[in-house]
């Protein structure tokens, strides 16, 4: 299970760092947190921020494991993924949905997934939310 993506986000001041990789790699990076902060401070020419307590670490919910029949239509697979705790935690971007589908051995071309997301949004089954330069999708309850 250590091969699954593992992501944490660390906020400090108005900045945020996201570290992704295997669980072991991410935990090793956390052990070197002070060194990383020094390098980031130098890279961005900012005043070092000394945390008053332990840094707040937000652990990304792990990608859900779902079971679907091999002939499951793409819209049903998308809705099933977005019905999980992971899918309901926050709007999920296309790349996150594609990764979840890949992990669950659900294979559809990117264009098909994009089209079905649009269809499901138009039908009112999903809500599309602008997040920066991308859109996130969340299931309508």
Protein backbone atom coordinates (compact mmCIF):
# COMPACT_ATOMS: atom_id res chain seq x y z
CA UNK A 1 0.00 0.00 0.00
CA UNK A 2 3.03 2.28 0.29
CA UNK A 3 2.93 2.77 -3.50
CA UNK A 4 -0.24 4.85 -3.29
CA UNK A 5 0.16 8.62 -3.53
CA UNK A 6 0.51 10.36 -0.16
CA UNK A 7 0.10 14.12 0.10
CA UNK A 8 0.33 16.59 2.94
CA UNK A 9 -0.09 20.34 2.96
CA UNK A 10 1.69 22.58 5.43
CA UNK A 11 0.59 26.16 5.91
CA UNK A 12 2.90 28.80 7.33
CA UNK A 13 1.86 32.43 7.28
CA UNK A 14 0.35 33.20 3.87
CA UNK A 15 2.27 30.36 2.26
CA UNK A 16 1.51 26.71 1.76
CA UNK A 17 3.72 23.78 0.83
CA UNK A 18 2.37 20.56 -0.64
CA UNK A 19 4.55 17.48 -0.44
CA UNK A 20 3.59 14.38 -2.42
CA UNK A 21 5.16 11.00 -2.91
CA UNK A 22 5.25 7.67 -1.18
CA UNK A 23 4.38 7.77 2.49
CA UNK A 24 7.99 7.04 3.43
CA UNK A 25 9.34 9.87 1.24
CA UNK A 26 6.86 12.38 2.64
CA UNK A 27 7.62 11.40 6.24
CA UNK A 28 11.35 11.68 5.52
CA UNK A 29 10.78 15.19 4.13
CA UNK A 30 8.97 16.09 7.35
CA UNK A 31 12.00 14.99 9.34
CA UNK A 32 13.97 17.60 7.38
CA UNK A 33 11.32 20.30 7.80
CA UNK A 34 13.71 22.88 9.27
CA UNK A 35 16.13 22.53 6.35
CA UNK A 36 13.29 22.76 3.84
CA UNK A 37 11.94 25.91 5.51
CA UNK A 38 15.40 27.53 5.44
CA UNK A 39 15.76 26.79 1.73
CA UNK A 40 12.27 28.09 0.94
CA UNK A 41 12.89 31.24 2.93
CA UNK A 42 16.07 31.88 0.93
CA UNK A 43 14.39 31.02 -2.38
CA UNK A 44 11.50 33.42 -1.82
CA UNK A 45 13.48 36.08 0.06
CA UNK A 46 11.02 36.07 2.92
CA UNK A 47 11.49 36.59 6.61
CA UNK A 48 11.75 33.24 8.34
CA UNK A 49 8.62 32.24 10.18
CA UNK A 50 9.21 30.41 13.40
CA UNK A 51 6.18 28.33 14.28
CA UNK A 52 4.94 28.88 17.83
CA UNK A 53 3.78 25.28 17.95
CA UNK A 54 4.02 22.25 15.77
CA UNK A 55 3.16 23.05 12.14
CA UNK A 56 -0.40 22.25 11.15
CA UNK A 57 -0.32 19.28 8.84
CA UNK A 58 -3.37 18.53 6.74
CA UNK A 59 -3.36 14.95 5.56
CA UNK A 60 -5.06 14.33 2.29
CA UNK A 61 -7.70 11.64 2.49
CA UNK A 62 -6.37 8.62 0.66
CA UNK A 63 -7.81 7.72 -2.71
CA UNK A 64 -10.86 5.49 -2.21
CA UNK A 65 -11.01 1.88 -3.21
CA UNK A 66 -14.24 1.08 -5.02
CA UNK A 67 -15.45 -1.96 -6.89
CA UNK A 68 -17.25 -1.68 -10.19
CA UNK A 69 -18.14 -4.14 -12.89
CA UNK A 70 -15.84 -4.08 -15.92
CA UNK A 71 -18.67 -2.79 -18.13
CA UNK A 72 -19.68 0.05 -15.79
CA UNK A 73 -20.44 3.21 -17.77
CA UNK A 74 -18.11 6.13 -17.18
CA UNK A 75 -20.77 8.40 -15.56
CA UNK A 76 -21.65 5.70 -13.00
CA UNK A 77 -17.98 5.21 -12.14
CA UNK A 78 -17.51 8.97 -11.65
CA UNK A 79 -20.59 9.20 -9.43
CA UNK A 80 -19.46 6.20 -7.38
CA UNK A 81 -16.02 7.74 -6.78
CA UNK A 82 -17.55 11.10 -5.85
CA UNK A 83 -19.99 9.36 -3.47
CA UNK A 84 -17.13 8.19 -1.26
CA UNK A 85 -15.86 10.12 1.75
CA UNK A 86 -12.88 11.20 -0.38
CA UNK A 87 -15.17 12.53 -3.10
CA UNK A 88 -17.37 14.40 -0.65
CA UNK A 89 -14.52 15.96 1.35
CA UNK A 90 -13.96 18.70 -1.24
CA UNK A 91 -14.49 19.32 -4.96
CA UNK A 92 -12.16 17.02 -6.91
CA UNK A 93 -10.24 18.17 -9.96
CA UNK A 94 -10.05 16.21 -13.21
CA UNK A 95 -6.51 14.99 -12.48
CA UNK A 96 -7.60 13.72 -9.05
CA UNK A 97 -10.54 11.87 -10.56
CA UNK A 98 -8.32 10.35 -13.25
CA UNK A 99 -5.85 9.20 -10.56
CA UNK A 100 -8.68 7.66 -8.50
CA UNK A 101 -9.97 5.88 -11.59
CA UNK A 102 -6.47 4.63 -12.42
CA UNK A 103 -5.95 3.30 -8.89
CA UNK A 104 -9.28 1.46 -9.15
CA UNK A 105 -8.49 0.04 -12.62
CA UNK A 106 -11.23 2.07 -14.30
CA UNK A 107 -9.89 3.05 -17.69
CA UNK A 108 -11.51 5.74 -19.82
CA UNK A 109 -9.83 8.27 -22.09
CA UNK A 110 -9.39 11.78 -20.66
CA UNK A 111 -11.76 13.21 -23.27
CA UNK A 112 -14.49 10.76 -22.28
CA UNK A 113 -14.15 11.64 -18.59
CA UNK A 114 -14.22 15.39 -19.39
CA UNK A 115 -17.34 14.94 -21.51
CA UNK A 116 -19.13 12.89 -18.87
CA UNK A 117 -18.26 15.46 -16.18
CA UNK A 118 -19.85 18.13 -18.37
CA UNK A 119 -22.93 15.94 -18.98
CA UNK A 120 -23.34 15.16 -15.27
CA UNK A 121 -23.00 18.88 -14.44
CA UNK A 122 -25.65 19.82 -17.02
CA UNK A 123 -28.00 17.14 -15.63
CA UNK A 124 -27.56 18.57 -12.13
CA UNK A 125 -25.88 15.44 -10.72
CA UNK A 126 -22.56 17.27 -10.14
CA UNK A 127 -21.65 20.80 -9.23
CA UNK A 128 -18.66 22.44 -10.89
CA UNK A 129 -16.62 24.81 -8.70
CA UNK A 130 -13.87 27.13 -9.94
CA UNK A 131 -10.66 26.54 -7.98
CA UNK A 132 -7.85 28.72 -9.21
CA UNK A 133 -7.27 27.89 -12.86
CA UNK A 134 -9.12 24.58 -12.69
CA UNK A 135 -12.56 23.29 -11.88
CA UNK A 136 -13.45 20.90 -9.12
CA UNK A 137 -16.45 18.58 -9.19
CA UNK A 138 -18.59 17.54 -6.25
CA UNK A 139 -21.70 15.41 -6.15
CA UNK A 140 -25.02 17.15 -5.60
CA UNK A 141 -26.80 15.61 -2.62
